Amino acid sequence: MTTREHALYCRAIDLWGKSAQFCQAMEECGELISALNKHLRHGNNRANLVDEMVDVTIMIEQVRMMIGCTDDDFEEAKRLKLIEFNDAVTLLEGKG
């Protein structure tokens, strides 16, 4: 995240508080779920999906700040999850 984004997230957390921002993160996740469901049923809602993904990403960045999750923490957890994901895909492909 950029310095400007970090400063904005700090302002938002200070303004509304951690509890409200955790709740907002849950709300944004729910909106993404709804957009994904609409996409499966009706298709052709790329713009809405992108918008909801951005909203969730913004909130994830704030949650990371609120719980003290550094970039290194996040990237290491992601690296491990990607290994697990690769192993599962490989197994299901019959190559494992």
C-alpha atoms as a PDB file:
ATOM      1  CA  MET A   1       0.000   0.000   0.000  1.00  0.00           C
ATOM      2  CA  THR A   2       1.169   3.498  -0.676  1.00  0.00           C
ATOM      3  CA  THR A   3       1.975   6.050   2.009  1.00  0.00           C
ATOM      4  CA  ARG A   4      -1.093   8.013   0.945  1.00  0.00           C
ATOM      5  CA  GLU A   5      -3.341   4.955   1.237  1.00  0.00           C
ATOM      6  CA  HIS A   6      -1.878   4.138   4.655  1.00  0.00           C
ATOM      7  CA  ALA A   7      -2.582   7.660   5.865  1.00  0.00           C
ATOM      8  CA  LEU A   8      -6.164   7.509   4.561  1.00  0.00           C
ATOM      9  CA  TYR A   9      -6.765   4.144   6.245  1.00  0.00           C
ATOM     10  CA  CYS A  10      -5.403   5.536   9.528  1.00  0.00           C
ATOM     11  CA  ARG A  11      -7.788   8.471   9.261  1.00  0.00           C
ATOM     12  CA  ALA A  12     -10.739   6.152   8.589  1.00  0.00           C
ATOM     13  CA  ILE A  13      -9.861   3.882  11.512  1.00  0.00           C
ATOM     14  CA  ASP A  14      -9.444   6.894  13.807  1.00  0.00           C
ATOM     15  CA  LEU A  15     -12.722   8.396  12.583  1.00  0.00           C
ATOM     16  CA  TRP A  16     -14.989   5.345  12.747  1.00  0.00           C
ATOM     17  CA  GLY A  17     -13.077   3.020  15.067  1.00  0.00           C
ATOM     18  CA  LYS A  18     -11.848  -0.529  14.683  1.00  0.00           C
ATOM     19  CA  SER A  19     -15.178  -2.207  15.406  1.00  0.00           C
ATOM     20  CA  ALA A  20     -16.957  -0.237  12.715  1.00  0.00           C
ATOM     21  CA  GLN A  21     -14.192  -0.968  10.208  1.00  0.00           C
ATOM     22  CA  PHE A  22     -14.311  -4.693  10.987  1.00  0.00           C
ATOM     23  CA  CYS A  23     -18.079  -4.569  10.412  1.00  0.00           C
ATOM     24  CA  GLN A  24     -17.565  -2.634   7.183  1.00  0.00           C
ATOM     25  CA  ALA A  25     -15.115  -5.311   6.026  1.00  0.00           C
ATOM     26  CA  MET A  26     -17.763  -7.968   6.631  1.00  0.00           C
ATOM     27  CA  GLU A  27     -20.353  -5.899   4.755  1.00  0.00           C
ATOM     28  CA  GLU A  28     -18.044  -5.467   1.775  1.00  0.00           C
ATOM     29  CA  CYS A  29     -17.343  -9.212   1.714  1.00  0.00           C
ATOM     30  CA  GLY A  30     -21.096  -9.822   1.669  1.00  0.00           C
ATOM     31  CA  GLU A  31     -21.515  -7.430  -1.247  1.00  0.00           C
ATOM     32  CA  LEU A  32     -18.816  -9.294  -3.162  1.00  0.00           C
ATOM     33  CA  ILE A  33     -20.574 -12.583  -2.449  1.00  0.00           C
ATOM     34  CA  SER A  34     -23.801 -11.102  -3.809  1.00  0.00           C
ATOM     35  CA  ALA A  35     -22.041  -9.804  -6.930  1.00  0.00           C
ATOM     36  CA  LEU A  36     -20.475 -13.218  -7.552  1.00  0.00           C
ATOM     37  CA  ASN A  37     -23.876 -14.880  -7.183  1.00  0.00           C
ATOM     38  CA  LYS A  38     -25.414 -12.436  -9.677  1.00  0.00           C
ATOM     39  CA  HIS A  39     -22.570 -13.124 -12.074  1.00  0.00           C
ATOM     40  CA  LEU A  40     -23.229 -16.863 -11.909  1.00  0.00           C
ATOM     41  CA  ARG A  41     -26.954 -16.378 -12.478  1.00  0.00           C
ATOM     42  CA  HIS A  42     -26.926 -13.586 -15.051  1.00  0.00           C
ATOM     43  CA  GLY A  43     -23.343 -12.961 -16.170  1.00  0.00           C
ATOM     44  CA  ASN A  44     -22.230  -9.665 -17.664  1.00  0.00           C
ATOM     45  CA  ASN A  45     -21.570  -7.757 -14.449  1.00  0.00           C
ATOM     46  CA  ARG A  46     -17.799  -7.366 -14.717  1.00  0.00           C
ATOM     47  CA  ALA A  47     -17.829  -3.705 -13.655  1.00  0.00           C
ATOM     48  CA  ASN A  48     -19.780  -4.525 -10.492  1.00  0.00           C
ATOM     49  CA  LEU A  49     -17.462  -7.428  -9.686  1.00  0.00           C
ATOM     50  CA  VAL A  50     -14.394  -5.224 -10.078  1.00  0.00           C
ATOM     51  CA  ASP A  51     -15.982  -2.525  -7.904  1.00  0.00           C
ATOM     52  CA  GLU A  52     -16.793  -5.000  -5.131  1.00  0.00           C
ATOM     53  CA  MET A  53     -13.333  -6.610  -5.331  1.00  0.00           C
ATOM     54  CA  VAL A  54     -11.753  -3.180  -4.892  1.00  0.00           C
ATOM     55  CA  ASP A  55     -13.986  -2.442  -1.891  1.00  0.00           C
ATOM     56  CA  VAL A  56     -12.970  -5.751  -0.272  1.00  0.00           C
ATOM     57  CA  THR A  57      -9.290  -5.116  -1.031  1.00  0.00           C
ATOM     58  CA  ILE A  58      -9.461  -1.692   0.606  1.00  0.00           C
ATOM     59  CA  MET A  59     -11.044  -3.199   3.696  1.00  0.00           C
ATOM     60  CA  ILE A  60      -8.542  -6.085   3.808  1.00  0.00           C
ATOM     61  CA  GLU A  61      -5.744  -3.529   3.857  1.00  0.00           C
ATOM     62  CA  GLN A  62      -7.399  -1.793   6.812  1.00  0.00           C
ATOM     63  CA  VAL A  63      -7.906  -5.089   8.639  1.00  0.00           C
ATOM     64  CA  ARG A  64      -4.243  -5.908   8.085  1.00  0.00           C
ATOM     65  CA  MET A  65      -3.333  -2.582   9.692  1.00  0.00           C
ATOM     66  CA  MET A  66      -5.719  -3.088  12.608  1.00  0.00           C
ATOM     67  CA  ILE A  67      -4.319  -6.533  13.456  1.00  0.00           C
ATOM     68  CA  GLY A  68      -0.688  -5.604  12.840  1.00  0.00           C
ATOM     69  CA  CYS A  69      -0.198  -7.877   9.836  1.00  0.00           C
ATOM     70  CA  THR A  70       2.938  -6.690   8.040  1.00  0.00           C
ATOM     71  CA  ASP A  71       3.599  -7.105   4.332  1.00  0.00           C
ATOM     72  CA  ASP A  72       6.133  -9.812   5.225  1.00  0.00           C
ATOM     73  CA  ASP A  73       3.565 -11.629   7.414  1.00  0.00           C
ATOM     74  CA  PHE A  74       0.989 -11.475   4.662  1.00  0.00           C
ATOM     75  CA  GLU A  75       3.315 -12.539   1.850  1.00  0.00           C
ATOM     76  CA  GLU A  76       4.651 -15.483   3.852  1.00  0.00           C
ATOM     77  CA  ALA A  77       1.126 -16.683   4.686  1.00  0.00           C
ATOM     78  CA  LYS A  78       0.171 -16.256   1.014  1.00  0.00           C
ATOM     79  CA  ARG A  79       3.253 -18.176  -0.108  1.00  0.00           C
ATOM     80  CA  LEU A  80       2.336 -21.098   2.156  1.00  0.00           C
ATOM     81  CA  LYS A  81      -1.300 -21.062   1.012  1.00  0.00           C
ATOM     82  CA  LEU A  82      -0.198 -21.060  -2.628  1.00  0.00           C
ATOM     83  CA  ILE A  83       1.937 -24.140  -1.965  1.00  0.00           C
ATOM     84  CA  GLU A  84      -1.111 -25.895  -0.484  1.00  0.00           C
ATOM     85  CA  PHE A  85      -3.265 -24.734  -3.408  1.00  0.00           C
ATOM     86  CA  ASN A  86      -0.706 -25.952  -5.936  1.00  0.00           C
ATOM     87  CA  ASP A  87      -0.507 -29.317  -4.171  1.00  0.00           C
ATOM     88  CA  ALA A  88      -4.312 -29.684  -4.255  1.00  0.00           C
ATOM     89  CA  VAL A  89      -4.528 -28.752  -7.956  1.00  0.00           C
ATOM     90  CA  THR A  90      -1.678 -31.071  -8.842  1.00  0.00           C
ATOM     91  CA  LEU A  91      -3.263 -33.928  -6.921  1.00  0.00           C
ATOM     92  CA  LEU A  92      -6.624 -33.436  -8.606  1.00  0.00           C
ATOM     93  CA  GLU A  93      -4.969 -33.249 -12.010  1.00  0.00           C
ATOM     94  CA  GLY A  94      -3.593 -36.707 -11.302  1.00  0.00           C
ATOM     95  CA  LYS A  95      -0.004 -35.566 -11.453  1.00  0.00           C
ATOM     96  CA  GLY A  96       0.737 -35.917  -7.774  1.00  0.00           C
END
